[in-house]
Amino acid sequence: MKVVHINFWDKQGGAAIAAYRLHKAMINTGIDSNILVFNKLIKDNTSIHAIDSFFNKIIIAFFNICESRLLAKFRPYIGNFSISLMGLNISKLKIVQDADVIYLHWINNNFVSISSIAKLLKLGKPIVWFLHDMWPMTGGCHHSFECIKYQSQCEYCDLLKSNKKKDISSKIFNKKLRLFSSYQNLKIITPSEWLGDCAKKSALFTHIKVRVIPNMIDITIFKPIDKQYARNILNLPENKKIILFGADMGVSNPYKGWGYLKDALKNINPSYIIVTFGGESIDLSLNDTTFPAYNFGRLFDDYSLALLYNACDVFVIPSLAEAFGQTALEAITCGTPAVGFNVGGIPDIISHKVTGYLSNYKDAYDLSVGINWVLDNPRYKDLSAQCRSYAIHKFSSKRVVKQHLTILSEDIQS
């Protein structure tokens, strides 16, 4: 069986990491799996194929400039919005033609357009779309927040502050509706119960079966190690409690809620250490109190990430929108409890007072309560062990890949 995974990157961002881990797990089970990407970062892997030629780079750059100019007058206030009316035709590539099953992951940045998806569906092969955000079911936004128009008809887009019924969101939504209702070879997978529920309620996927299969984790890489050993390697203080925050783009990512964590720190012992990764250094001067802070920037390998999770006492994920919460899963698999808002896919990973603490949405004070509950917990070692056990039971690679194999066998038999 030949499978091709299609994603913009091979290992940058949550969707890329999830796709790459699934790809590796499939290879380990004997499946001929490959990844097709636009930007390739892992240079020495022959199963990852890039189409980032000079010509394609120019084309994609031109498409992105056009899209930016089209959206400029709307000036979104929060989050991302993708038109995706332009993209590359990948349906004629040999790696796509040879595949028995095609997995779509995160295909935006004008890599694969809506029309390009139609060309893939016309091949007649089973198409499994693994959703990593809400874009496939909306008129352009990647997270709808409180808006539920995607359940009926996108128009008067809240994100774009639009006052028109037939705005860009309406046109994109209707284009998707015409496409998705024309083919029977599309299947939908979501990594969390919340995103699965959104997909089932969406007007675009009413006739398509939606399955929930979580992202997976390699429990042989992400595993508990001695905390003092990890701190010595990373040159972190040995006798302080350490709070960890990490996100793609770091504190500047509008989805990741850094401002709420910063407010929560007002109720945290100022002698604690703050460690961040994924972005730039931060200033933690609060009310004349400065928290000691360390920043590790971008970490591109799983072993460094596992080492950092082990060095810290609690991982905080104050996301305002989260389809799954990959970083929280990585943390608890290492035995580090997590604290986050009760939103999106976070409750699938943080079981309240079992693997950490679920705080009320956008409640900075309750976030601080959760952080203190973890750090002051007299049963911290038991809590850490619960985290590890929970992750193995629900998210181990062997367990999760079996669920994908079931779908693949259905596709091949049909």
Protein backbone atom coordinates (compact mmCIF):
# COMPACT_ATOMS: atom_id res chain seq x y z
CA MET A 1 0.00 0.00 0.00
CA LYS A 2 1.31 3.43 -0.99
CA VAL A 3 0.36 6.55 0.95
CA VAL A 4 1.37 10.14 0.28
CA HIS A 5 0.98 12.86 2.91
CA ILE A 6 0.65 16.42 1.61
CA ASN A 7 1.62 19.32 3.86
CA PHE A 8 3.23 22.72 3.30
CA TRP A 9 6.22 21.99 5.58
CA ASP A 10 7.83 18.75 6.66
CA LYS A 11 8.67 19.72 10.24
CA GLN A 12 7.65 23.27 11.14
CA GLY A 13 4.44 23.88 13.02
CA GLY A 14 2.04 21.50 14.74
CA ALA A 15 0.46 20.12 11.58
CA ALA A 16 3.84 19.31 10.03
CA ILE A 17 5.02 17.56 13.19
CA ALA A 18 1.81 15.53 13.40
CA ALA A 19 2.00 14.57 9.71
CA TYR A 20 5.66 13.57 9.99
CA ARG A 21 5.05 11.42 13.07
CA LEU A 22 2.14 9.66 11.36
CA HIS A 23 4.30 9.13 8.26
CA LYS A 24 7.09 7.52 10.33
CA ALA A 25 4.63 5.30 12.20
CA MET A 26 3.17 4.08 8.91
CA ILE A 27 6.63 3.21 7.60
CA ASN A 28 7.28 1.24 10.78
CA THR A 29 4.16 -0.84 10.07
CA GLY A 30 5.30 -1.69 6.55
CA ILE A 31 3.35 0.92 4.57
CA ASP A 32 5.12 2.63 1.67
CA SER A 33 4.61 6.16 2.99
CA ASN A 34 5.96 9.40 1.53
CA ILE A 35 5.49 13.10 2.24
CA LEU A 36 5.05 15.78 -0.41
CA VAL A 37 5.85 19.28 0.83
CA PHE A 38 6.62 22.69 -0.55
CA ASN A 39 9.32 23.57 2.00
CA LYS A 40 11.65 20.75 3.04
CA LEU A 41 13.73 21.18 6.19
CA ILE A 42 14.82 17.57 6.74
CA LYS A 43 17.37 17.29 3.94
CA ASP A 44 18.63 13.74 4.44
CA ASN A 45 15.28 11.95 4.29
CA THR A 46 14.52 10.34 0.92
CA SER A 47 10.84 9.74 1.80
CA ILE A 48 10.21 13.50 1.93
CA HIS A 49 9.78 15.12 -1.46
CA ALA A 50 9.79 18.86 -2.07
CA ILE A 51 8.60 20.87 -5.07
CA ASP A 52 10.25 24.10 -3.95
CA SER A 53 11.96 24.77 -7.27
CA PHE A 54 12.97 28.34 -8.05
CA PHE A 55 10.01 28.68 -10.42
CA ASN A 56 7.52 27.32 -7.87
CA LYS A 57 8.96 29.60 -5.20
CA ILE A 58 8.31 32.59 -7.44
CA ILE A 59 4.79 31.39 -8.20
CA ILE A 60 3.90 30.80 -4.54
CA ALA A 61 5.41 34.15 -3.53
CA PHE A 62 3.31 35.85 -6.22
CA PHE A 63 0.15 34.03 -5.06
CA ASN A 64 0.80 35.06 -1.44
CA ILE A 65 1.33 38.71 -2.43
CA CYS A 66 -1.94 38.69 -4.37
CA GLU A 67 -3.82 37.16 -1.43
CA SER A 68 -2.32 39.66 1.02
CA ARG A 69 -3.42 42.56 -1.15
CA LEU A 70 -6.93 41.16 -1.48
CA LEU A 71 -7.20 40.87 2.30
CA ALA A 72 -5.43 44.13 3.14
CA LYS A 73 -8.55 46.28 3.15
CA PHE A 74 -10.31 43.93 5.57
CA ARG A 75 -7.52 44.09 8.15
CA PRO A 76 -8.31 41.01 10.26
CA TYR A 77 -8.11 41.79 13.94
CA ILE A 78 -7.10 38.34 15.13
CA GLY A 79 -6.08 35.05 13.64
CA ASN A 80 -5.47 33.85 10.10
CA PHE A 81 -7.64 33.93 7.00
CA SER A 82 -6.77 32.08 3.79
CA ILE A 83 -8.46 32.55 0.43
CA SER A 84 -6.61 29.70 -1.29
CA LEU A 85 -8.04 30.40 -4.75
CA MET A 86 -4.55 30.02 -6.20
CA GLY A 87 -2.17 27.09 -5.83
CA LEU A 88 -0.06 24.46 -7.56
CA ASN A 89 -1.55 21.58 -9.52
CA ILE A 90 0.06 18.56 -7.82
CA SER A 91 -2.36 15.96 -9.20
CA LYS A 92 -0.05 15.06 -12.12
CA LEU A 93 3.05 14.47 -9.99
CA LYS A 94 4.27 10.87 -10.09
CA ILE A 95 4.30 10.55 -6.29
CA VAL A 96 0.60 11.49 -6.26
CA GLN A 97 -0.30 9.37 -9.28
CA ASP A 98 1.37 6.29 -7.74
CA ALA A 99 -0.31 6.60 -4.34
CA ASP A 100 -3.18 4.34 -3.30
CA VAL A 101 -4.34 6.82 -0.63
CA ILE A 102 -3.74 10.57 -0.35
CA TYR A 103 -3.60 12.30 3.03
CA LEU A 104 -4.15 16.06 3.04
CA HIS A 105 -2.84 17.94 6.06
CA TRP A 106 -2.15 21.72 6.25
CA ILE A 107 -2.05 22.84 2.62
CA ASN A 108 -2.46 26.63 2.85
CA ASN A 109 -0.04 29.44 2.00
CA ASN A 110 -1.40 28.94 -1.55
CA PHE A 111 0.31 25.57 -1.83
CA VAL A 112 -2.85 23.63 -2.77
CA SER A 113 -5.89 25.67 -3.81
CA ILE A 114 -9.54 24.69 -3.60
CA SER A 115 -9.47 23.99 -7.35
CA SER A 116 -6.32 21.88 -6.85
CA ILE A 117 -8.20 19.78 -4.28
CA ALA A 118 -10.87 19.18 -6.92
CA LYS A 119 -8.21 17.87 -9.30
CA LEU A 120 -7.00 15.47 -6.61
CA LEU A 121 -10.53 14.23 -5.97
CA LYS A 122 -11.03 13.67 -9.71
CA LEU A 123 -8.27 11.06 -9.56
CA GLY A 124 -10.80 8.81 -7.82
CA LYS A 125 -8.34 7.78 -5.11
CA PRO A 126 -9.39 7.80 -1.43
CA ILE A 127 -8.60 11.26 -0.03
CA VAL A 128 -8.22 11.47 3.75
CA TRP A 129 -8.19 15.05 5.00
CA PHE A 130 -6.59 15.21 8.42
CA LEU A 131 -7.83 18.52 9.82
CA HIS A 132 -5.39 20.58 11.89
CA ASP A 133 -7.61 23.65 12.17
CA MET A 134 -11.06 24.82 11.02
CA TRP A 135 -10.13 26.17 7.56
CA PRO A 136 -11.46 23.17 5.56
CA MET A 137 -14.98 23.77 6.97
CA THR A 138 -15.13 27.59 6.90
CA GLY A 139 -15.22 30.43 4.42
CA GLY A 140 -11.56 31.21 5.07
CA CYS A 141 -10.80 31.55 8.78
CA HIS A 142 -8.57 28.98 10.46
CA HIS A 143 -10.45 29.31 13.76
CA SER A 144 -13.98 30.68 14.01
CA PHE A 145 -13.89 31.38 17.77
CA GLU A 146 -17.49 32.25 18.81
CA CYS A 147 -18.80 32.42 15.23
CA ILE A 148 -20.93 29.44 14.11
CA LYS A 149 -21.85 30.62 10.61
CA TYR A 150 -19.83 27.73 9.16
CA GLN A 151 -22.68 25.50 10.36
CA SER A 152 -25.02 27.05 7.78
CA GLN A 153 -23.49 29.67 5.47
CA CYS A 154 -20.46 31.91 5.85
CA GLU A 155 -21.30 35.57 5.10
CA TYR A 156 -20.94 38.92 6.85
CA CYS A 157 -17.61 37.57 8.08
CA ASP A 158 -16.93 38.61 11.68
CA LEU A 159 -13.19 38.11 11.36
CA LEU A 160 -12.98 40.41 8.34
CA LYS A 161 -15.45 42.89 9.85
CA SER A 162 -17.47 42.52 6.66
CA ASN A 163 -20.87 44.18 6.18
CA LYS A 164 -21.63 42.34 2.94
CA LYS A 165 -23.66 39.16 2.57
CA LYS A 166 -21.78 38.03 -0.54
CA ASP A 167 -18.30 38.75 0.78
CA ILE A 168 -15.09 36.78 0.30
CA SER A 169 -16.04 34.27 3.00
CA SER A 170 -19.34 33.58 1.25
CA LYS A 171 -17.65 33.01 -2.12
CA ILE A 172 -15.04 30.67 -0.65
CA PHE A 173 -17.66 28.77 1.34
CA ASN A 174 -19.87 28.24 -1.70
CA LYS A 175 -16.90 27.14 -3.82
CA LYS A 176 -16.04 24.52 -1.19
CA LEU A 177 -19.69 23.45 -0.95
CA ARG A 178 -19.90 22.80 -4.69
CA LEU A 179 -16.66 20.84 -4.56
CA PHE A 180 -17.27 18.69 -1.49
CA SER A 181 -20.81 17.76 -2.51
CA SER A 182 -19.59 16.50 -5.90
CA TYR A 183 -17.33 13.68 -4.73
CA GLN A 184 -17.72 10.59 -2.57
CA ASN A 185 -14.02 9.74 -2.09
CA LEU A 186 -13.30 12.30 0.64
CA LYS A 187 -12.98 11.28 4.30
CA ILE A 188 -12.42 13.55 7.29
CA ILE A 189 -10.26 12.87 10.35
CA THR A 190 -9.86 15.28 13.25
CA PRO A 191 -7.36 14.94 16.12
CA SER A 192 -9.74 16.09 18.89
CA GLU A 193 -13.33 15.54 19.95
CA TRP A 194 -13.98 19.30 19.80
CA LEU A 195 -12.79 19.64 16.19
CA GLY A 196 -14.69 16.49 15.27
CA ASP A 197 -17.86 17.97 16.71
CA CYS A 198 -17.27 21.16 14.70
CA ALA A 199 -16.80 19.15 11.51
CA LYS A 200 -19.97 17.13 12.10
CA LYS A 201 -21.97 20.33 12.58
CA SER A 202 -20.48 22.08 9.56
CA ALA A 203 -22.60 22.60 6.45
CA LEU A 204 -19.69 21.51 4.25
CA PHE A 205 -19.27 18.02 5.74
CA THR A 206 -22.88 16.98 6.34
CA HIS A 207 -22.61 14.05 3.88
CA ILE A 208 -19.07 13.02 4.86
CA LYS A 209 -18.24 10.63 7.68
CA VAL A 210 -16.07 12.29 10.32
CA ARG A 211 -13.72 10.24 12.47
CA VAL A 212 -11.70 11.35 15.52
CA ILE A 213 -8.17 9.96 15.73
CA PRO A 214 -5.71 11.80 17.98
CA ASN A 215 -2.23 12.89 17.04
CA MET A 216 0.38 10.41 18.18
CA ILE A 217 3.51 10.63 20.28
CA ASP A 218 6.68 8.55 20.27
CA ILE A 219 6.86 7.37 23.87
CA THR A 220 10.45 6.17 23.39
CA ILE A 221 11.63 9.74 22.75
CA PHE A 222 9.25 11.68 24.94
CA LYS A 223 9.74 9.96 28.27
CA PRO A 224 10.65 10.91 31.85
CA ILE A 225 14.31 11.37 32.68
CA ASP A 226 16.01 12.70 35.82
CA LYS A 227 15.02 16.36 36.24
CA GLN A 228 18.35 17.47 37.71
CA TYR A 229 20.21 15.77 34.88
CA ALA A 230 18.09 17.62 32.31
CA ARG A 231 18.66 20.94 34.08
CA ASN A 232 22.40 20.42 34.22
CA ILE A 233 22.56 19.84 30.48
CA LEU A 234 20.43 22.92 29.73
CA ASN A 235 22.20 25.05 32.34
CA LEU A 236 18.99 25.77 34.25
CA PRO A 237 18.81 26.37 38.03
CA GLU A 238 18.58 23.13 40.00
CA ASN A 239 16.74 24.39 43.08
CA LYS A 240 13.96 26.51 41.53
CA LYS A 241 10.50 25.62 40.28
CA ILE A 242 10.31 26.15 36.53
CA ILE A 243 7.28 27.14 34.45
CA LEU A 244 7.47 26.36 30.72
CA PHE A 245 5.65 28.09 27.85
CA GLY A 246 6.19 27.20 24.21
CA ALA A 247 4.50 27.95 20.91
CA ASP A 248 5.25 28.41 17.23
CA MET A 249 6.11 32.13 16.89
CA GLY A 250 6.36 32.24 20.68
CA VAL A 251 4.68 35.08 22.56
CA SER A 252 3.72 36.88 19.33
CA ASN A 253 1.31 34.12 18.21
CA PRO A 254 -2.21 35.58 18.70
CA TYR A 255 -3.73 32.14 19.29
CA LYS A 256 -1.41 31.07 22.11
CA GLY A 257 -2.56 33.45 24.85
CA TRP A 258 0.77 34.70 26.18
CA GLY A 259 -0.94 37.78 27.62
CA TYR A 260 -3.07 35.63 29.92
CA LEU A 261 -0.04 33.79 31.25
CA LYS A 262 1.70 37.10 31.83
CA ASP A 263 -1.29 38.28 33.87
CA ALA A 264 -1.39 34.97 35.74
CA LEU A 265 2.23 35.46 36.82
CA LYS A 266 1.07 38.31 39.07
CA ASN A 267 -0.24 35.58 41.40
CA ILE A 268 2.81 33.35 41.12
CA ASN A 269 5.83 33.25 43.42
CA PRO A 270 8.34 35.69 41.81
CA SER A 271 11.23 33.40 42.68
CA TYR A 272 10.02 30.84 40.13
CA ILE A 273 11.74 30.57 36.74
CA ILE A 274 10.01 31.15 33.41
CA VAL A 275 11.31 29.24 30.39
CA THR A 276 10.02 29.77 26.84
CA PHE A 277 10.70 28.23 23.45
CA GLY A 278 9.46 28.70 19.90
CA GLY A 279 10.09 32.42 19.54
CA GLU A 280 11.87 35.53 20.73
CA SER A 281 13.09 36.46 24.22
CA ILE A 282 10.59 38.11 26.55
CA ASP A 283 10.45 40.86 29.14
CA LEU A 284 8.89 39.71 32.40
CA SER A 285 8.88 42.92 34.41
CA LEU A 286 5.57 42.92 36.27
CA ASN A 287 4.66 45.48 38.91
CA ASP A 288 8.31 46.12 39.76
CA THR A 289 8.90 42.37 39.96
CA THR A 290 11.08 40.74 37.35
CA PHE A 291 10.79 37.00 36.79
CA PRO A 292 14.02 35.24 35.84
CA ALA A 293 13.46 34.12 32.25
CA TYR A 294 15.27 31.83 29.83
CA ASN A 295 14.45 31.52 26.13
CA PHE A 296 15.52 28.57 23.98
CA GLY A 297 14.18 29.88 20.66
CA ARG A 298 13.18 27.33 18.06
CA LEU A 299 13.92 23.69 18.84
CA PHE A 300 13.84 21.52 15.73
CA ASP A 301 14.52 18.07 17.15
CA ASP A 302 12.38 15.96 19.47
CA TYR A 303 15.24 15.01 21.78
CA SER A 304 15.92 18.66 22.72
CA LEU A 305 12.20 19.20 23.29
CA ALA A 306 11.94 16.13 25.52
CA LEU A 307 14.94 17.31 27.52
CA LEU A 308 13.34 20.73 28.05
CA TYR A 309 9.98 19.31 29.13
CA ASN A 310 11.77 17.10 31.66
CA ALA A 311 13.72 20.05 33.05
CA CYS A 312 10.54 21.95 33.94
CA ASP A 313 7.86 21.41 36.60
CA VAL A 314 4.76 22.54 34.72
CA PHE A 315 3.88 23.33 31.12
CA VAL A 316 1.37 26.13 30.53
CA ILE A 317 -0.69 26.26 27.32
CA PRO A 318 -3.07 29.26 27.60
CA SER A 319 -4.26 28.95 23.99
CA LEU A 320 -7.36 30.84 22.90
CA ALA A 321 -7.94 28.39 20.06
CA GLU A 322 -6.36 24.96 19.78
CA ALA A 323 -7.34 22.12 17.48
CA PHE A 324 -5.33 19.61 19.51
CA GLY A 325 -2.46 20.81 21.70
CA GLN A 326 0.64 18.92 20.56
CA THR A 327 2.97 20.64 23.02
CA ALA A 328 0.75 19.71 25.96
CA LEU A 329 0.84 16.08 24.85
CA GLU A 330 4.63 16.17 24.59
CA ALA A 331 4.83 17.60 28.10
CA ILE A 332 2.59 15.05 29.83
CA THR A 333 4.29 12.17 28.00
CA CYS A 334 7.50 13.32 29.68
CA GLY A 335 5.66 13.32 33.01
CA THR A 336 5.36 17.12 33.21
CA PRO A 337 1.79 18.19 34.14
CA ALA A 338 0.10 20.79 31.93
CA VAL A 339 -2.18 23.73 32.68
CA GLY A 340 -4.41 25.30 30.04
CA PHE A 341 -7.80 26.76 29.24
CA ASN A 342 -10.80 24.49 28.78
CA VAL A 343 -11.07 25.13 25.04
CA GLY A 344 -10.77 23.25 21.74
CA GLY A 345 -8.75 20.05 21.90
CA ILE A 346 -7.03 20.85 25.21
CA PRO A 347 -9.49 18.76 27.33
CA ASP A 348 -8.52 15.69 25.27
CA ILE A 349 -5.01 15.99 26.72
CA ILE A 350 -5.41 17.74 30.06
CA SER A 351 -7.71 15.65 32.20
CA HIS A 352 -8.60 17.97 35.09
CA LYS A 353 -6.50 17.18 38.18
CA VAL A 354 -5.33 13.95 36.51
CA THR A 355 -2.75 15.18 33.99
CA GLY A 356 -2.85 18.82 35.04
CA TYR A 357 -5.40 21.57 35.52
CA LEU A 358 -8.11 22.89 33.16
CA SER A 359 -8.72 26.59 33.79
CA ASN A 360 -11.79 28.60 32.90
CA TYR A 361 -11.50 30.11 29.43
CA LYS A 362 -9.65 33.43 29.31
CA ASP A 363 -9.46 33.52 33.11
CA ALA A 364 -5.91 34.56 34.02
CA TYR A 365 -6.56 34.19 37.75
CA ASP A 366 -7.80 30.60 37.36
CA LEU A 367 -4.76 29.94 35.20
CA SER A 368 -2.59 31.00 38.15
CA VAL A 369 -4.66 28.77 40.44
CA GLY A 370 -3.88 25.83 38.16
CA ILE A 371 -0.17 26.60 38.01
CA ASN A 372 0.04 26.85 41.79
CA TRP A 373 -2.04 23.69 42.19
CA VAL A 374 0.54 21.76 40.17
CA LEU A 375 3.66 23.33 41.67
CA ASP A 376 2.47 23.06 45.29
CA ASN A 377 0.92 19.62 44.92
CA PRO A 378 2.18 17.30 47.69
CA ARG A 379 1.48 14.35 45.35
CA TYR A 380 3.47 15.79 42.45
CA LYS A 381 5.30 12.50 41.76
CA ASP A 382 1.97 10.64 41.53
CA LEU A 383 0.62 13.38 39.25
CA SER A 384 3.66 13.03 37.02
CA ALA A 385 3.21 9.26 36.82
CA GLN A 386 -0.47 9.73 35.92
CA CYS A 387 0.55 11.99 33.05
CA ARG A 388 2.85 9.38 31.58
CA SER A 389 0.32 6.55 31.98
CA TYR A 390 -2.48 8.62 30.38
CA ALA A 391 -0.33 9.52 27.37
CA ILE A 392 0.74 5.91 26.76
CA HIS A 393 -2.83 4.67 26.97
CA LYS A 394 -4.34 7.22 24.56
CA PHE A 395 -1.62 8.59 22.28
CA SER A 396 1.19 6.07 21.75
CA SER A 397 2.22 5.61 18.11
CA LYS A 398 1.32 1.91 18.02
CA ARG A 399 -2.16 2.54 19.39
CA VAL A 400 -2.98 5.47 17.11
CA VAL A 401 -1.56 4.09 13.85
CA LYS A 402 -3.83 1.05 14.18
CA GLN A 403 -6.82 3.38 13.88
CA HIS A 404 -5.42 4.80 10.65
CA LEU A 405 -4.74 1.32 9.31
CA THR A 406 -8.40 0.46 9.84
CA ILE A 407 -9.43 3.37 7.62
CA LEU A 408 -6.81 2.53 5.00
CA SER A 409 -8.00 -1.08 4.80
CA GLU A 410 -11.57 0.14 4.30
CA ASP A 411 -10.41 2.39 1.47
CA ILE A 412 -8.43 -0.31 -0.32
CA GLN A 413 -11.24 -2.87 0.01
CA SER A 414 -13.81 -0.42 -1.36
